[in-house]
Each structure stands twice: as C-alpha cells, then as structure tokens.
Amino acid sequence: MKQHVYPAVPAPLAGLLGRLPRFPGSLLFAAGLSRVLGPQLPGDVRAALEGRSISIGVLDAGVRFDVSWRGSRFVALAAQPAPDLSIGASARDFLLLAQRREDPDTLFFARRLTMEGDTELGLLVKNTLDAIDVALFDPERLLPARWRRGSAM
C-alpha cells in the first residue's frame, strides 16, 4: 500500500483561511457531519450529544468549526467562548485519524492532538468515531458516481 505524505497547510493559505468568518465554515462542516456521521450515530450517543457544543480547530489552517447536535442533525453555532469540548490538530493529523492511520491516543500523548473541556464528552466522541467503519470517511464515497475513479464519463 502506497504511503501518502500529507503536507502542512501552507502559511499563506492558512493566513487567508484564518481571516474568514467562522460561522459559514461551521455551517458547511455541520452539514457534512450530518450527512456522513448523523445516520451512523446510535440513539444513546445522539442523546449524550444533544445541545453540547463542540469546537474543532484545524490548527495549521487557522480555522475552527463550532457545532452541536440538535434533534436529528448537527447545527452550526456562533463562535463559542467556552465550548463543552474543544479538539485541535493539524489538517494532516485529522486526515490520518479519519483514515485510521494514526491513533488518537498516540497523537494526544505526542501533543499533536489537543482536547479541552469535558473529558467524558471527549471520550464519547473518540469511542463513537472508533466504532464507525473507516470506509465511511473515504472522500471518494461522498462524490457523485460519475466523478468517482473508474467511472465512464
């Protein structure tokens, strides 16, 4: 299997992204989470997430997304001064986590993944993501069929 090397987000791009308002990005992030993760969440996890604020920071990109589970989907929140849970890592490390090529505990103890706030909520998020099939995070799976590799155009 070919090993991919994912570069850090270039500083000029991070500077530009860091100047963008947070809420529109949070809207897109919440919509993506609702589409990809929402159907996979067990009822007890949905109940535990209900109304809790989670802030995800992509540190090298200078962006942060604030979301909460409300009813049947993730919703965007305005910037939260003290979210219930704040998670941060580089874009590369988030990608490696999604592909299960890195372990969250390893990244945490190497100080490449940060978690602040409600540790019980953090463990719930971690354990829930660990229980979800890794194929769910394959970006190609989310593309329309006509754009996937090997499809006739």
C-alpha atoms as a PDB file:
ATOM      1  CA  MET A   1       0.000   0.000   0.000  1.00  0.00           C
ATOM      2  CA  LYS A   2       1.400   3.372  -1.003  1.00  0.00           C
ATOM      3  CA  GLN A   3       2.136   5.717   1.897  1.00  0.00           C
ATOM      4  CA  HIS A   4       0.898   9.255   1.318  1.00  0.00           C
ATOM      5  CA  VAL A   5       2.748  12.214   2.732  1.00  0.00           C
ATOM      6  CA  TYR A   6       0.343  14.998   3.569  1.00  0.00           C
ATOM      7  CA  PRO A   7       1.963  18.414   3.711  1.00  0.00           C
ATOM      8  CA  ALA A   8       1.064  21.057   6.241  1.00  0.00           C
ATOM      9  CA  VAL A   9      -1.294  23.779   5.104  1.00  0.00           C
ATOM     10  CA  PRO A  10       0.955  26.454   3.548  1.00  0.00           C
ATOM     11  CA  ALA A  11       1.274  29.581   5.703  1.00  0.00           C
ATOM     12  CA  PRO A  12      -0.150  31.975   3.070  1.00  0.00           C
ATOM     13  CA  LEU A  13      -3.251  29.791   2.677  1.00  0.00           C
ATOM     14  CA  ALA A  14      -3.602  29.431   6.450  1.00  0.00           C
ATOM     15  CA  GLY A  15      -3.364  33.212   6.788  1.00  0.00           C
ATOM     16  CA  LEU A  16      -6.177  33.637   4.288  1.00  0.00           C
ATOM     17  CA  LEU A  17      -8.349  30.912   5.843  1.00  0.00           C
ATOM     18  CA  GLY A  18      -7.766  32.343   9.317  1.00  0.00           C
ATOM     19  CA  ARG A  19      -9.325  35.647   8.221  1.00  0.00           C
ATOM     20  CA  LEU A  20     -12.562  34.075   7.038  1.00  0.00           C
ATOM     21  CA  PRO A  21     -15.604  34.314   9.323  1.00  0.00           C
ATOM     22  CA  ARG A  22     -16.149  31.127  11.328  1.00  0.00           C
ATOM     23  CA  PHE A  23     -19.891  30.718  11.010  1.00  0.00           C
ATOM     24  CA  PRO A  24     -20.155  29.969   7.255  1.00  0.00           C
ATOM     25  CA  GLY A  25     -17.462  27.301   7.611  1.00  0.00           C
ATOM     26  CA  SER A  26     -19.283  25.865  10.609  1.00  0.00           C
ATOM     27  CA  LEU A  27     -22.480  25.655   8.502  1.00  0.00           C
ATOM     28  CA  LEU A  28     -20.685  23.591   5.857  1.00  0.00           C
ATOM     29  CA  PHE A  29     -18.944  21.450   8.485  1.00  0.00           C
ATOM     30  CA  ALA A  30     -22.225  20.761  10.310  1.00  0.00           C
ATOM     31  CA  ALA A  31     -23.925  19.804   7.029  1.00  0.00           C
ATOM     32  CA  GLY A  32     -21.075  17.409   6.214  1.00  0.00           C
ATOM     33  CA  LEU A  33     -21.148  15.852   9.676  1.00  0.00           C
ATOM     34  CA  SER A  34     -24.915  15.433   9.473  1.00  0.00           C
ATOM     35  CA  ARG A  35     -24.634  13.697   6.119  1.00  0.00           C
ATOM     36  CA  VAL A  36     -21.689  11.434   6.931  1.00  0.00           C
ATOM     37  CA  LEU A  37     -21.931  10.795  10.672  1.00  0.00           C
ATOM     38  CA  GLY A  38     -25.547  11.558  11.525  1.00  0.00           C
ATOM     39  CA  PRO A  39     -27.026   8.307  10.190  1.00  0.00           C
ATOM     40  CA  GLN A  40     -24.298   6.293  11.959  1.00  0.00           C
ATOM     41  CA  LEU A  41     -24.881   7.666  15.464  1.00  0.00           C
ATOM     42  CA  PRO A  42     -26.668   5.357  17.902  1.00  0.00           C
ATOM     43  CA  GLY A  43     -29.577   6.814  19.868  1.00  0.00           C
ATOM     44  CA  ASP A  44     -27.674   6.920  23.165  1.00  0.00           C
ATOM     45  CA  VAL A  45     -24.850   8.881  21.525  1.00  0.00           C
ATOM     46  CA  ARG A  46     -27.339  11.317  19.970  1.00  0.00           C
ATOM     47  CA  ALA A  47     -28.904  11.837  23.403  1.00  0.00           C
ATOM     48  CA  ALA A  48     -25.488  12.432  25.010  1.00  0.00           C
ATOM     49  CA  LEU A  49     -24.503  14.933  22.296  1.00  0.00           C
ATOM     50  CA  GLU A  50     -27.832  16.811  22.407  1.00  0.00           C
ATOM     51  CA  GLY A  51     -27.194  20.517  22.899  1.00  0.00           C
ATOM     52  CA  ARG A  52     -23.481  20.075  23.682  1.00  0.00           C
ATOM     53  CA  SER A  53     -21.112  22.491  21.934  1.00  0.00           C
ATOM     54  CA  ILE A  54     -18.071  21.054  20.177  1.00  0.00           C
ATOM     55  CA  SER A  55     -15.355  23.170  18.609  1.00  0.00           C
ATOM     56  CA  ILE A  56     -12.977  21.589  16.082  1.00  0.00           C
ATOM     57  CA  GLY A  57      -9.829  23.548  15.294  1.00  0.00           C
ATOM     58  CA  VAL A  58      -7.647  22.778  12.290  1.00  0.00           C
ATOM     59  CA  LEU A  59      -4.602  24.409  13.770  1.00  0.00           C
ATOM     60  CA  ASP A  60      -2.307  24.728  10.746  1.00  0.00           C
ATOM     61  CA  ALA A  61      -5.164  26.019   8.592  1.00  0.00           C
ATOM     62  CA  GLY A  62      -6.232  28.655  11.099  1.00  0.00           C
ATOM     63  CA  VAL A  63      -9.866  27.552  11.014  1.00  0.00           C
ATOM     64  CA  ARG A  64     -12.291  26.441  13.680  1.00  0.00           C
ATOM     65  CA  PHE A  65     -15.755  24.910  13.370  1.00  0.00           C
ATOM     66  CA  ASP A  66     -18.373  25.143  16.125  1.00  0.00           C
ATOM     67  CA  VAL A  67     -21.219  22.623  16.075  1.00  0.00           C
ATOM     68  CA  SER A  68     -23.846  20.969  18.238  1.00  0.00           C
ATOM     69  CA  TRP A  69     -26.244  18.031  17.826  1.00  0.00           C
ATOM     70  CA  ARG A  70     -29.854  19.256  17.828  1.00  0.00           C
ATOM     71  CA  GLY A  71     -32.695  16.802  17.342  1.00  0.00           C
ATOM     72  CA  SER A  72     -31.688  14.875  14.250  1.00  0.00           C
ATOM     73  CA  ARG A  73     -28.669  16.716  12.884  1.00  0.00           C
ATOM     74  CA  PHE A  74     -25.576  18.745  13.585  1.00  0.00           C
ATOM     75  CA  VAL A  75     -26.091  22.505  13.542  1.00  0.00           C
ATOM     76  CA  ALA A  76     -23.580  25.322  13.261  1.00  0.00           C
ATOM     77  CA  LEU A  77     -23.011  27.538  16.258  1.00  0.00           C
ATOM     78  CA  ALA A  78     -21.620  31.020  16.538  1.00  0.00           C
ATOM     79  CA  ALA A  79     -18.079  31.047  17.932  1.00  0.00           C
ATOM     80  CA  GLN A  80     -18.201  29.565  21.422  1.00  0.00           C
ATOM     81  CA  PRO A  81     -16.045  31.272  24.080  1.00  0.00           C
ATOM     82  CA  ALA A  82     -16.117  28.111  26.243  1.00  0.00           C
ATOM     83  CA  PRO A  83     -17.368  25.082  24.266  1.00  0.00           C
ATOM     84  CA  ASP A  84     -18.176  21.877  26.112  1.00  0.00           C
ATOM     85  CA  LEU A  85     -15.388  20.197  24.121  1.00  0.00           C
ATOM     86  CA  SER A  86     -12.608  21.679  22.041  1.00  0.00           C
ATOM     87  CA  ILE A  87     -10.485  19.442  19.806  1.00  0.00           C
ATOM     88  CA  GLY A  88      -7.498  20.641  17.805  1.00  0.00           C
ATOM     89  CA  ALA A  89      -4.958  19.113  15.426  1.00  0.00           C
ATOM     90  CA  SER A  90      -3.316  19.804  12.084  1.00  0.00           C
ATOM     91  CA  ALA A  91      -5.177  19.075   8.857  1.00  0.00           C
ATOM     92  CA  ARG A  92      -2.724  16.239   8.227  1.00  0.00           C
ATOM     93  CA  ASP A  93      -3.346  14.661  11.627  1.00  0.00           C
ATOM     94  CA  PHE A  94      -7.133  14.904  11.268  1.00  0.00           C
ATOM     95  CA  LEU A  95      -6.842  13.187   7.883  1.00  0.00           C
ATOM     96  CA  LEU A  96      -4.635  10.449   9.351  1.00  0.00           C
ATOM     97  CA  LEU A  97      -7.146   9.960  12.177  1.00  0.00           C
ATOM     98  CA  ALA A  98     -10.057   9.697   9.733  1.00  0.00           C
ATOM     99  CA  GLN A  99      -8.151   7.101   7.710  1.00  0.00           C
ATOM    100  CA  ARG A 100      -7.213   5.233  10.903  1.00  0.00           C
ATOM    101  CA  ARG A 101      -3.554   5.557  10.029  1.00  0.00           C
ATOM    102  CA  GLU A 102      -2.882   7.247  13.378  1.00  0.00           C
ATOM    103  CA  ASP A 103      -4.251   6.522  16.809  1.00  0.00           C
ATOM    104  CA  PRO A 104      -5.833   9.427  18.723  1.00  0.00           C
ATOM    105  CA  ASP A 105      -4.112   8.401  21.957  1.00  0.00           C
ATOM    106  CA  THR A 106      -0.703   8.417  20.257  1.00  0.00           C
ATOM    107  CA  LEU A 107      -1.347  11.869  18.788  1.00  0.00           C
ATOM    108  CA  PHE A 108      -2.646  13.145  22.126  1.00  0.00           C
ATOM    109  CA  PHE A 109       0.411  12.000  24.067  1.00  0.00           C
ATOM    110  CA  ALA A 110       2.688  13.342  21.324  1.00  0.00           C
ATOM    111  CA  ARG A 111       0.875  16.701  21.766  1.00  0.00           C
ATOM    112  CA  ARG A 112      -0.303  16.681  18.162  1.00  0.00           C
ATOM    113  CA  LEU A 113      -3.960  16.381  19.200  1.00  0.00           C
ATOM    114  CA  THR A 114      -5.452  18.599  21.877  1.00  0.00           C
ATOM    115  CA  MET A 115      -8.649  18.136  23.803  1.00  0.00           C
ATOM    116  CA  GLU A 116     -10.002  20.613  26.332  1.00  0.00           C
ATOM    117  CA  GLY A 117     -13.228  20.716  28.252  1.00  0.00           C
ATOM    118  CA  ASP A 118     -15.499  17.839  29.170  1.00  0.00           C
ATOM    119  CA  THR A 119     -13.264  14.742  29.032  1.00  0.00           C
ATOM    120  CA  GLU A 120     -16.256  12.401  29.292  1.00  0.00           C
ATOM    121  CA  LEU A 121     -17.701  14.019  26.162  1.00  0.00           C
ATOM    122  CA  GLY A 122     -14.286  13.736  24.504  1.00  0.00           C
ATOM    123  CA  LEU A 123     -14.140  10.008  25.250  1.00  0.00           C
ATOM    124  CA  LEU A 124     -17.678   9.583  23.917  1.00  0.00           C
ATOM    125  CA  VAL A 125     -16.680  11.294  20.648  1.00  0.00           C
ATOM    126  CA  LYS A 126     -13.468   9.239  20.393  1.00  0.00           C
ATOM    127  CA  ASN A 127     -15.164   5.916  21.119  1.00  0.00           C
ATOM    128  CA  THR A 128     -18.027   6.685  18.736  1.00  0.00           C
ATOM    129  CA  LEU A 129     -15.633   7.517  15.905  1.00  0.00           C
ATOM    130  CA  ASP A 130     -13.580   4.386  16.659  1.00  0.00           C
ATOM    131  CA  ALA A 131     -16.725   2.251  16.286  1.00  0.00           C
ATOM    132  CA  ILE A 132     -17.616   3.668  12.854  1.00  0.00           C
ATOM    133  CA  ASP A 133     -16.461   1.849   9.710  1.00  0.00           C
ATOM    134  CA  VAL A 134     -13.375   3.554   8.285  1.00  0.00           C
ATOM    135  CA  ALA A 135     -14.830   3.309   4.746  1.00  0.00           C
ATOM    136  CA  LEU A 136     -17.338   5.943   5.833  1.00  0.00           C
ATOM    137  CA  PHE A 137     -14.515   8.513   5.757  1.00  0.00           C
ATOM    138  CA  ASP A 138     -13.388   7.697   2.200  1.00  0.00           C
ATOM    139  CA  PRO A 139     -13.755  11.017   0.344  1.00  0.00           C
ATOM    140  CA  GLU A 140     -14.485   9.216  -2.942  1.00  0.00           C
ATOM    141  CA  ARG A 141     -17.550   7.603  -1.353  1.00  0.00           C
ATOM    142  CA  LEU A 142     -19.085  11.052  -0.982  1.00  0.00           C
ATOM    143  CA  LEU A 143     -18.628  12.028  -4.636  1.00  0.00           C
ATOM    144  CA  PRO A 144     -21.412  11.599  -7.166  1.00  0.00           C
ATOM    145  CA  ALA A 145     -20.944   8.267  -9.015  1.00  0.00           C
ATOM    146  CA  ARG A 146     -19.947   9.979 -12.265  1.00  0.00           C
ATOM    147  CA  TRP A 147     -16.935  11.646 -10.568  1.00  0.00           C
ATOM    148  CA  ARG A 148     -15.519   8.504  -8.949  1.00  0.00           C
ATOM    149  CA  ARG A 149     -12.377   6.797 -10.220  1.00  0.00           C
ATOM    150  CA  GLY A 150     -13.041   4.202 -12.861  1.00  0.00           C
ATOM    151  CA  SER A 151     -16.458   5.527 -13.860  1.00  0.00           C
ATOM    152  CA  ALA A 152     -17.201   6.193 -17.511  1.00  0.00           C
ATOM    153  CA  MET A 153     -17.687   9.847 -18.350  1.00  0.00           C
END
